[in-house]
N, C-alpha and C. Protein backbone atom coordinates (compact mmCIF):
# COMPACT_ATOMS: atom_id res chain seq x y z
N MET A 1 0.84 -1.19 0.00
CA MET A 1 0.00 0.00 0.00
C MET A 1 0.88 1.24 0.00
N THR A 2 0.65 2.12 -0.96
CA THR A 2 1.39 3.37 -0.98
C THR A 2 0.52 4.50 -0.47
N ILE A 3 1.16 5.41 0.19
CA ILE A 3 0.46 6.57 0.71
C ILE A 3 0.45 7.64 -0.38
N GLN A 4 -0.72 8.16 -0.67
CA GLN A 4 -0.86 9.19 -1.68
C GLN A 4 -1.19 10.53 -1.02
N ILE A 5 -0.76 11.57 -1.65
CA ILE A 5 -1.11 12.91 -1.19
C ILE A 5 -2.39 13.31 -1.92
N PRO A 6 -3.43 13.69 -1.19
CA PRO A 6 -4.67 14.08 -1.86
C PRO A 6 -4.50 15.40 -2.63
N ASN A 7 -5.20 15.51 -3.73
CA ASN A 7 -5.13 16.73 -4.54
C ASN A 7 -5.47 17.98 -3.74
N TRP A 8 -6.46 17.86 -2.84
CA TRP A 8 -6.86 19.04 -2.08
C TRP A 8 -5.70 19.59 -1.24
N LEU A 9 -4.81 18.71 -0.76
CA LEU A 9 -3.66 19.18 0.03
C LEU A 9 -2.66 19.91 -0.86
N ILE A 10 -2.45 19.39 -2.06
CA ILE A 10 -1.56 20.05 -3.02
C ILE A 10 -2.13 21.41 -3.41
N ILE A 11 -3.44 21.45 -3.66
CA ILE A 11 -4.10 22.71 -4.03
C ILE A 11 -4.06 23.70 -2.88
N LEU A 12 -4.28 23.23 -1.67
CA LEU A 12 -4.20 24.10 -0.49
C LEU A 12 -2.78 24.67 -0.35
N GLY A 13 -1.78 23.81 -0.57
CA GLY A 13 -0.40 24.28 -0.56
C GLY A 13 -0.16 25.33 -1.63
N GLY A 14 -0.76 25.12 -2.80
CA GLY A 14 -0.65 26.11 -3.88
C GLY A 14 -1.27 27.44 -3.51
N CYS A 15 -2.42 27.39 -2.87
CA CYS A 15 -3.06 28.63 -2.40
C CYS A 15 -2.17 29.34 -1.39
N GLY A 16 -1.54 28.58 -0.52
CA GLY A 16 -0.63 29.16 0.47
C GLY A 16 0.57 29.81 -0.19
N GLN A 17 1.08 29.19 -1.24
CA GLN A 17 2.23 29.77 -1.94
C GLN A 17 1.85 31.07 -2.64
N ILE A 18 0.66 31.10 -3.23
CA ILE A 18 0.20 32.34 -3.84
C ILE A 18 0.00 33.40 -2.77
N PHE A 19 -0.52 33.02 -1.62
CA PHE A 19 -0.66 33.96 -0.51
C PHE A 19 0.69 34.55 -0.13
N THR A 20 1.73 33.71 -0.05
CA THR A 20 3.06 34.24 0.32
C THR A 20 3.56 35.23 -0.73
N ALA A 21 3.25 34.97 -2.00
CA ALA A 21 3.66 35.91 -3.06
C ALA A 21 2.93 37.23 -2.92
N LEU A 22 1.65 37.18 -2.59
CA LEU A 22 0.86 38.40 -2.48
C LEU A 22 1.19 39.21 -1.23
N ILE A 23 1.54 38.54 -0.14
CA ILE A 23 1.83 39.22 1.12
C ILE A 23 3.28 39.72 1.18
N TYR A 24 4.12 39.20 0.30
CA TYR A 24 5.55 39.51 0.31
C TYR A 24 5.84 41.02 0.28
N PRO A 25 5.21 41.81 -0.60
CA PRO A 25 5.49 43.25 -0.58
C PRO A 25 5.13 43.93 0.74
N TYR A 26 4.03 43.51 1.34
CA TYR A 26 3.64 44.07 2.64
C TYR A 26 4.70 43.78 3.70
N ILE A 27 5.17 42.55 3.73
CA ILE A 27 6.17 42.16 4.72
C ILE A 27 7.45 42.96 4.52
N ARG A 28 7.90 43.05 3.27
CA ARG A 28 9.12 43.82 3.00
C ARG A 28 8.97 45.26 3.45
N HIS A 29 7.84 45.87 3.15
CA HIS A 29 7.66 47.30 3.43
C HIS A 29 7.34 47.58 4.90
N ASN A 30 6.36 46.87 5.45
CA ASN A 30 5.87 47.20 6.79
C ASN A 30 6.60 46.50 7.93
N VAL A 31 7.15 45.33 7.68
CA VAL A 31 7.82 44.60 8.75
C VAL A 31 9.32 44.91 8.75
N PHE A 32 9.92 44.83 7.58
CA PHE A 32 11.38 44.95 7.50
C PHE A 32 11.87 46.31 7.05
N ASP A 33 11.00 47.23 6.66
CA ASP A 33 11.41 48.54 6.18
C ASP A 33 12.47 48.38 5.08
N TRP A 34 12.26 47.38 4.26
CA TRP A 34 13.21 46.94 3.25
C TRP A 34 13.54 48.03 2.24
N TYR A 35 12.52 48.76 1.80
CA TYR A 35 12.75 49.76 0.75
C TYR A 35 13.69 50.87 1.22
N ASN A 36 13.58 51.28 2.47
CA ASN A 36 14.50 52.30 2.98
C ASN A 36 15.93 51.76 3.07
N ASP A 37 16.07 50.50 3.43
CA ASP A 37 17.40 49.89 3.46
C ASP A 37 18.00 49.80 2.06
N VAL A 38 17.16 49.41 1.09
CA VAL A 38 17.64 49.26 -0.29
C VAL A 38 18.08 50.62 -0.85
N LYS A 39 17.43 51.70 -0.44
CA LYS A 39 17.79 53.03 -0.94
C LYS A 39 19.22 53.42 -0.57
N GLN A 40 19.79 52.76 0.43
CA GLN A 40 21.16 53.07 0.86
C GLN A 40 22.20 52.39 -0.04
N LEU A 41 21.77 51.49 -0.90
CA LEU A 41 22.68 50.80 -1.81
C LEU A 41 22.97 51.66 -3.04
N LYS A 42 24.04 51.32 -3.74
CA LYS A 42 24.32 51.96 -5.02
C LYS A 42 23.18 51.61 -5.98
N PRO A 43 22.92 52.46 -6.98
CA PRO A 43 21.78 52.23 -7.88
C PRO A 43 21.73 50.83 -8.51
N LEU A 44 22.86 50.31 -8.99
CA LEU A 44 22.84 48.98 -9.59
C LEU A 44 22.48 47.92 -8.55
N ASN A 45 23.03 48.03 -7.36
CA ASN A 45 22.71 47.08 -6.29
C ASN A 45 21.26 47.19 -5.86
N GLN A 46 20.69 48.40 -5.92
CA GLN A 46 19.26 48.56 -5.64
C GLN A 46 18.43 47.74 -6.62
N GLU A 47 18.78 47.85 -7.90
CA GLU A 47 18.03 47.13 -8.93
C GLU A 47 18.21 45.62 -8.79
N ILE A 48 19.40 45.18 -8.43
CA ILE A 48 19.65 43.76 -8.22
C ILE A 48 18.80 43.24 -7.06
N ALA A 49 18.78 43.98 -5.96
CA ALA A 49 17.99 43.57 -4.79
C ALA A 49 16.51 43.51 -5.14
N LYS A 50 16.02 44.50 -5.86
CA LYS A 50 14.61 44.52 -6.26
C LYS A 50 14.29 43.36 -7.20
N THR A 51 15.23 43.07 -8.11
CA THR A 51 15.03 41.97 -9.05
C THR A 51 14.94 40.64 -8.31
N TYR A 52 15.83 40.41 -7.36
CA TYR A 52 15.78 39.17 -6.59
C TYR A 52 14.49 39.08 -5.78
N GLY A 53 14.03 40.19 -5.27
CA GLY A 53 12.74 40.20 -4.57
C GLY A 53 11.61 39.78 -5.49
N ARG A 54 11.65 40.28 -6.73
CA ARG A 54 10.62 39.90 -7.70
C ARG A 54 10.74 38.43 -8.09
N TYR A 55 11.97 37.93 -8.19
CA TYR A 55 12.16 36.50 -8.48
C TYR A 55 11.50 35.65 -7.41
N ILE A 56 11.74 35.99 -6.15
CA ILE A 56 11.16 35.23 -5.04
C ILE A 56 9.64 35.26 -5.14
N GLN A 57 9.11 36.44 -5.33
CA GLN A 57 7.66 36.60 -5.42
C GLN A 57 7.11 35.82 -6.62
N GLY A 58 7.80 35.90 -7.75
CA GLY A 58 7.36 35.19 -8.95
C GLY A 58 7.41 33.68 -8.80
N LEU A 59 8.48 33.18 -8.16
CA LEU A 59 8.57 31.74 -7.94
C LEU A 59 7.47 31.24 -7.02
N ASN A 60 7.24 31.96 -5.93
CA ASN A 60 6.18 31.56 -5.00
C ASN A 60 4.84 31.51 -5.73
N PHE A 61 4.55 32.54 -6.52
CA PHE A 61 3.29 32.59 -7.25
C PHE A 61 3.22 31.46 -8.28
N SER A 62 4.29 31.27 -9.03
CA SER A 62 4.31 30.24 -10.08
C SER A 62 4.16 28.84 -9.51
N PHE A 63 4.89 28.54 -8.43
CA PHE A 63 4.77 27.23 -7.80
C PHE A 63 3.34 27.00 -7.31
N GLY A 64 2.73 28.04 -6.77
CA GLY A 64 1.35 27.93 -6.31
C GLY A 64 0.39 27.69 -7.45
N LEU A 65 0.57 28.41 -8.53
CA LEU A 65 -0.30 28.24 -9.69
C LEU A 65 -0.18 26.84 -10.29
N ILE A 66 1.04 26.33 -10.37
CA ILE A 66 1.25 24.97 -10.86
C ILE A 66 0.52 23.96 -9.98
N ALA A 67 0.63 24.13 -8.66
CA ALA A 67 -0.02 23.21 -7.73
C ALA A 67 -1.54 23.25 -7.85
N ILE A 68 -2.08 24.43 -8.06
CA ILE A 68 -3.54 24.57 -8.17
C ILE A 68 -4.04 24.00 -9.50
N LEU A 69 -3.32 24.26 -10.58
CA LEU A 69 -3.81 23.88 -11.90
C LEU A 69 -3.56 22.42 -12.28
N ILE A 70 -2.44 21.85 -11.81
CA ILE A 70 -2.12 20.47 -12.23
C ILE A 70 -1.65 19.60 -11.06
N PRO A 71 -2.44 19.50 -10.00
CA PRO A 71 -2.00 18.71 -8.85
C PRO A 71 -1.77 17.23 -9.18
N THR A 72 -2.60 16.67 -10.03
CA THR A 72 -2.45 15.25 -10.40
C THR A 72 -1.15 15.02 -11.15
N ASP A 73 -0.78 15.95 -12.01
CA ASP A 73 0.46 15.82 -12.77
C ASP A 73 1.70 15.92 -11.88
N LEU A 74 1.56 16.58 -10.74
CA LEU A 74 2.70 16.69 -9.82
C LEU A 74 2.98 15.38 -9.08
N LYS A 75 2.09 14.44 -9.18
CA LYS A 75 2.29 13.18 -8.46
C LYS A 75 2.20 11.95 -9.35
N ASN A 76 2.39 12.12 -10.67
CA ASN A 76 2.22 10.99 -11.58
C ASN A 76 3.50 10.19 -11.84
N GLY A 77 4.61 10.57 -11.21
CA GLY A 77 5.83 9.78 -11.29
C GLY A 77 6.64 9.96 -12.57
N THR A 78 6.24 10.88 -13.44
CA THR A 78 7.02 11.11 -14.66
C THR A 78 8.32 11.84 -14.32
N HIS A 79 9.22 11.86 -15.29
CA HIS A 79 10.47 12.58 -15.07
C HIS A 79 10.23 14.06 -14.78
N LEU A 80 9.26 14.63 -15.47
CA LEU A 80 8.93 16.03 -15.23
C LEU A 80 8.38 16.25 -13.83
N ALA A 81 7.53 15.35 -13.36
CA ALA A 81 6.98 15.45 -12.01
C ALA A 81 8.11 15.34 -10.98
N ILE A 82 9.04 14.42 -11.21
CA ILE A 82 10.18 14.28 -10.30
C ILE A 82 11.01 15.56 -10.29
N ALA A 83 11.30 16.09 -11.48
CA ALA A 83 12.13 17.30 -11.57
C ALA A 83 11.44 18.49 -10.91
N LEU A 84 10.17 18.67 -11.20
CA LEU A 84 9.46 19.84 -10.69
C LEU A 84 9.23 19.75 -9.18
N THR A 85 8.81 18.60 -8.70
CA THR A 85 8.61 18.48 -7.24
C THR A 85 9.95 18.54 -6.51
N GLY A 86 11.01 18.03 -7.14
CA GLY A 86 12.34 18.14 -6.54
C GLY A 86 12.79 19.59 -6.45
N LEU A 87 12.54 20.35 -7.51
CA LEU A 87 12.89 21.77 -7.52
C LEU A 87 12.12 22.54 -6.44
N ILE A 88 10.83 22.32 -6.39
CA ILE A 88 9.99 23.04 -5.42
C ILE A 88 10.36 22.61 -3.99
N ALA A 89 10.60 21.32 -3.78
CA ALA A 89 11.00 20.84 -2.46
C ALA A 89 12.33 21.47 -2.04
N ALA A 90 13.30 21.49 -2.95
CA ALA A 90 14.60 22.08 -2.63
C ALA A 90 14.46 23.57 -2.31
N TYR A 91 13.61 24.26 -3.04
CA TYR A 91 13.36 25.68 -2.81
C TYR A 91 12.84 25.92 -1.38
N TRP A 92 11.81 25.15 -0.98
CA TRP A 92 11.21 25.38 0.34
C TRP A 92 12.07 24.84 1.47
N VAL A 93 12.73 23.71 1.26
CA VAL A 93 13.65 23.20 2.29
C VAL A 93 14.79 24.21 2.48
N GLY A 94 15.29 24.76 1.37
CA GLY A 94 16.32 25.80 1.47
C GLY A 94 15.83 27.02 2.20
N LYS A 95 14.60 27.42 1.95
CA LYS A 95 14.01 28.57 2.64
C LYS A 95 13.92 28.32 4.14
N VAL A 96 13.46 27.14 4.51
CA VAL A 96 13.34 26.80 5.93
C VAL A 96 14.73 26.75 6.58
N ALA A 97 15.70 26.13 5.91
CA ALA A 97 17.06 26.05 6.45
C ALA A 97 17.66 27.45 6.63
N THR A 98 17.44 28.32 5.66
CA THR A 98 17.93 29.70 5.75
C THR A 98 17.26 30.42 6.91
N GLN A 99 15.97 30.21 7.03
CA GLN A 99 15.20 30.84 8.11
C GLN A 99 15.76 30.43 9.48
N ILE A 100 16.04 29.15 9.64
CA ILE A 100 16.55 28.64 10.92
C ILE A 100 17.98 29.12 11.16
N ALA A 101 18.80 29.07 10.12
CA ALA A 101 20.22 29.37 10.28
C ALA A 101 20.52 30.85 10.47
N TYR A 102 19.81 31.72 9.77
CA TYR A 102 20.19 33.13 9.75
C TYR A 102 19.21 34.10 10.38
N TYR A 103 17.93 33.86 10.23
CA TYR A 103 16.96 34.86 10.66
C TYR A 103 16.87 35.08 12.16
N PRO A 104 17.14 34.07 13.03
CA PRO A 104 17.06 34.36 14.46
C PRO A 104 18.07 35.41 14.93
N MET A 105 19.09 35.68 14.14
CA MET A 105 20.10 36.66 14.53
C MET A 105 19.59 38.09 14.38
N TYR A 106 18.46 38.28 13.72
CA TYR A 106 17.98 39.61 13.43
C TYR A 106 16.73 39.91 14.24
N ASP A 107 16.55 41.17 14.53
CA ASP A 107 15.37 41.61 15.26
C ASP A 107 14.22 41.86 14.31
N ILE A 108 13.13 41.18 14.57
CA ILE A 108 11.89 41.46 13.87
C ILE A 108 11.10 42.37 14.81
N PRO A 109 10.41 43.37 14.27
CA PRO A 109 9.64 44.26 15.15
C PRO A 109 8.79 43.48 16.15
N LYS A 110 8.68 44.01 17.33
CA LYS A 110 8.05 43.30 18.45
C LYS A 110 6.53 43.39 18.50
N LYS A 111 5.90 44.04 17.53
CA LYS A 111 4.44 44.12 17.53
C LYS A 111 3.85 42.72 17.51
N THR A 112 2.77 42.52 18.22
CA THR A 112 2.12 41.21 18.32
C THR A 112 1.74 40.66 16.95
N ILE A 113 1.22 41.52 16.08
CA ILE A 113 0.79 41.06 14.75
C ILE A 113 1.98 40.50 13.96
N PHE A 114 3.16 41.10 14.11
CA PHE A 114 4.34 40.62 13.39
C PHE A 114 4.84 39.31 13.98
N LYS A 115 4.74 39.18 15.29
CA LYS A 115 5.17 37.93 15.94
C LYS A 115 4.26 36.77 15.52
N ILE A 116 2.95 37.01 15.55
CA ILE A 116 1.99 35.99 15.11
C ILE A 116 2.22 35.69 13.63
N GLY A 117 2.41 36.74 12.85
CA GLY A 117 2.66 36.57 11.42
C GLY A 117 3.90 35.75 11.13
N SER A 118 4.95 35.95 11.92
CA SER A 118 6.19 35.19 11.69
C SER A 118 5.97 33.70 11.98
N TYR A 119 5.21 33.39 13.03
CA TYR A 119 4.90 31.98 13.31
C TYR A 119 4.05 31.38 12.19
N PHE A 120 3.08 32.15 11.72
CA PHE A 120 2.21 31.69 10.64
C PHE A 120 3.00 31.44 9.36
N MET A 121 3.85 32.40 8.99
CA MET A 121 4.63 32.26 7.75
C MET A 121 5.61 31.09 7.87
N ASN A 122 6.26 30.95 9.01
CA ASN A 122 7.19 29.83 9.19
C ASN A 122 6.47 28.49 9.12
N THR A 123 5.25 28.44 9.66
CA THR A 123 4.45 27.22 9.57
C THR A 123 4.12 26.91 8.10
N LEU A 124 3.78 27.95 7.35
CA LEU A 124 3.53 27.75 5.92
C LEU A 124 4.77 27.21 5.21
N PHE A 125 5.94 27.81 5.48
CA PHE A 125 7.17 27.39 4.80
C PHE A 125 7.49 25.93 5.11
N VAL A 126 7.34 25.53 6.37
CA VAL A 126 7.60 24.14 6.75
C VAL A 126 6.59 23.21 6.08
N THR A 127 5.34 23.64 6.03
CA THR A 127 4.30 22.84 5.37
C THR A 127 4.62 22.64 3.89
N PHE A 128 5.03 23.71 3.21
CA PHE A 128 5.40 23.58 1.80
C PHE A 128 6.57 22.62 1.64
N ALA A 129 7.57 22.74 2.50
CA ALA A 129 8.73 21.85 2.43
C ALA A 129 8.31 20.39 2.60
N ILE A 130 7.40 20.13 3.53
CA ILE A 130 6.94 18.77 3.78
C ILE A 130 6.13 18.24 2.59
N ILE A 131 5.18 19.03 2.11
CA ILE A 131 4.33 18.58 1.00
C ILE A 131 5.17 18.23 -0.22
N TYR A 132 6.07 19.13 -0.61
CA TYR A 132 6.82 18.91 -1.85
C TYR A 132 7.93 17.88 -1.70
N THR A 133 8.50 17.77 -0.52
CA THR A 133 9.47 16.70 -0.30
C THR A 133 8.76 15.35 -0.35
N TRP A 134 7.60 15.27 0.26
CA TRP A 134 6.79 14.05 0.23
C TRP A 134 6.41 13.70 -1.21
N LEU A 135 5.96 14.68 -1.97
CA LEU A 135 5.63 14.45 -3.38
C LEU A 135 6.84 13.96 -4.16
N PHE A 136 7.98 14.59 -3.93
CA PHE A 136 9.22 14.22 -4.61
C PHE A 136 9.59 12.76 -4.31
N ILE A 137 9.53 12.41 -3.05
CA ILE A 137 9.88 11.03 -2.65
C ILE A 137 8.89 10.04 -3.26
N LEU A 138 7.60 10.35 -3.22
CA LEU A 138 6.59 9.47 -3.82
C LEU A 138 6.80 9.33 -5.33
N ASN A 139 7.17 10.42 -5.98
CA ASN A 139 7.44 10.35 -7.42
C ASN A 139 8.65 9.48 -7.73
N ILE A 140 9.68 9.57 -6.91
CA ILE A 140 10.88 8.74 -7.12
C ILE A 140 10.54 7.26 -6.92
N CYS A 141 9.71 6.98 -5.93
CA CYS A 141 9.36 5.58 -5.62
C CYS A 141 8.30 5.02 -6.56
N ASN A 142 7.68 5.87 -7.34
CA ASN A 142 6.60 5.46 -8.23
C ASN A 142 7.12 4.67 -9.41
């Protein structure tokens, strides 16, 4: 008997990833005051930082859209399913590892809403890492 991931869980994970993409500008601006920090960089470095921010936002949105639109294809065991779920799993596992390794060294504003938000976002990141790692492993074993 093999354990399967239900489509609704993949779709829910996709919705969560789209949520992270949509909330990302708010977090950068209101929690981290990111734009004021970026203004202190040289113009080229400002554009590089903004571009990487857009990449992150775009990847989160794209991964979510893929999960919502083709959840069955993400678990069919094809080479493409293995590659895509492996990529998404590595992305989220890397995000969680980075979060654990580096972010505790920095002060996040002490407002209650930001503290609750950080727990919520970290829970989402771990959930994404688990879902896509599980999908990746199931695809390899398929």
